[in-house]
Amino acid sequence: MNTDDKNRKPRTEKTIKQKIAS
């Protein structure tokens, strides 16, 4: 998945939550 892209620009809590769930 595009974790790098999301981690690069955390636009919303969803990104942070996904990072923890990963």
N, C-alpha and C. Protein backbone atom coordinates (compact mmCIF):
# COMPACT_ATOMS: atom_id res chain seq x y z
N MET A 1 0.84 -1.22 0.00
CA MET A 1 0.00 0.00 0.00
C MET A 1 0.87 1.27 0.00
N ASN A 2 0.25 2.39 -0.26
CA ASN A 2 1.02 3.64 -0.29
C ASN A 2 1.19 4.21 1.12
N THR A 3 1.92 3.49 1.94
CA THR A 3 2.10 3.99 3.31
C THR A 3 3.06 5.18 3.29
N ASP A 4 4.06 5.10 2.43
CA ASP A 4 5.03 6.20 2.36
C ASP A 4 4.33 7.50 1.95
N ASP A 5 3.50 7.40 0.94
CA ASP A 5 2.80 8.60 0.46
C ASP A 5 1.94 9.18 1.57
N LYS A 6 1.26 8.31 2.30
CA LYS A 6 0.37 8.80 3.36
C LYS A 6 1.20 9.36 4.51
N ASN A 7 2.25 8.66 4.85
CA ASN A 7 3.09 9.12 5.96
C ASN A 7 3.73 10.46 5.61
N ARG A 8 3.93 10.68 4.35
CA ARG A 8 4.58 11.93 3.89
C ARG A 8 3.65 13.10 4.14
N LYS A 9 2.39 12.95 3.82
CA LYS A 9 1.45 14.07 4.00
C LYS A 9 0.22 13.60 4.76
N PRO A 10 0.31 13.54 6.06
CA PRO A 10 -0.83 13.13 6.89
C PRO A 10 -1.93 14.19 6.87
N ARG A 11 -2.87 13.99 6.01
CA ARG A 11 -3.93 15.02 5.86
C ARG A 11 -4.99 14.86 6.93
N THR A 12 -5.23 13.69 7.42
CA THR A 12 -6.30 13.55 8.43
C THR A 12 -5.96 12.49 9.47
N GLU A 13 -6.82 12.36 10.44
CA GLU A 13 -6.57 11.36 11.49
C GLU A 13 -6.55 9.96 10.89
N LYS A 14 -7.29 9.78 9.83
CA LYS A 14 -7.35 8.45 9.20
C LYS A 14 -5.93 7.94 8.92
N THR A 15 -5.09 8.82 8.47
CA THR A 15 -3.72 8.41 8.16
C THR A 15 -3.00 7.94 9.41
N ILE A 16 -3.14 8.71 10.46
CA ILE A 16 -2.46 8.35 11.72
C ILE A 16 -3.03 7.03 12.25
N LYS A 17 -4.33 6.91 12.17
CA LYS A 17 -4.97 5.68 12.67
C LYS A 17 -4.49 4.49 11.86
N GLN A 18 -4.40 4.65 10.57
CA GLN A 18 -3.95 3.53 9.71
C GLN A 18 -2.51 3.16 10.06
N LYS A 19 -1.72 4.17 10.37
CA LYS A 19 -0.32 3.92 10.71
C LYS A 19 -0.24 3.04 11.96
N ILE A 20 -1.09 3.34 12.92
CA ILE A 20 -1.08 2.55 14.17
C ILE A 20 -1.61 1.14 13.89
N ALA A 21 -2.60 1.07 13.04
CA ALA A 21 -3.21 -0.24 12.74
C ALA A 21 -2.24 -1.09 11.94
N SER A 22 -1.41 -0.44 11.16
CA SER A 22 -0.44 -1.19 10.33
C SER A 22 0.42 -2.07 11.20
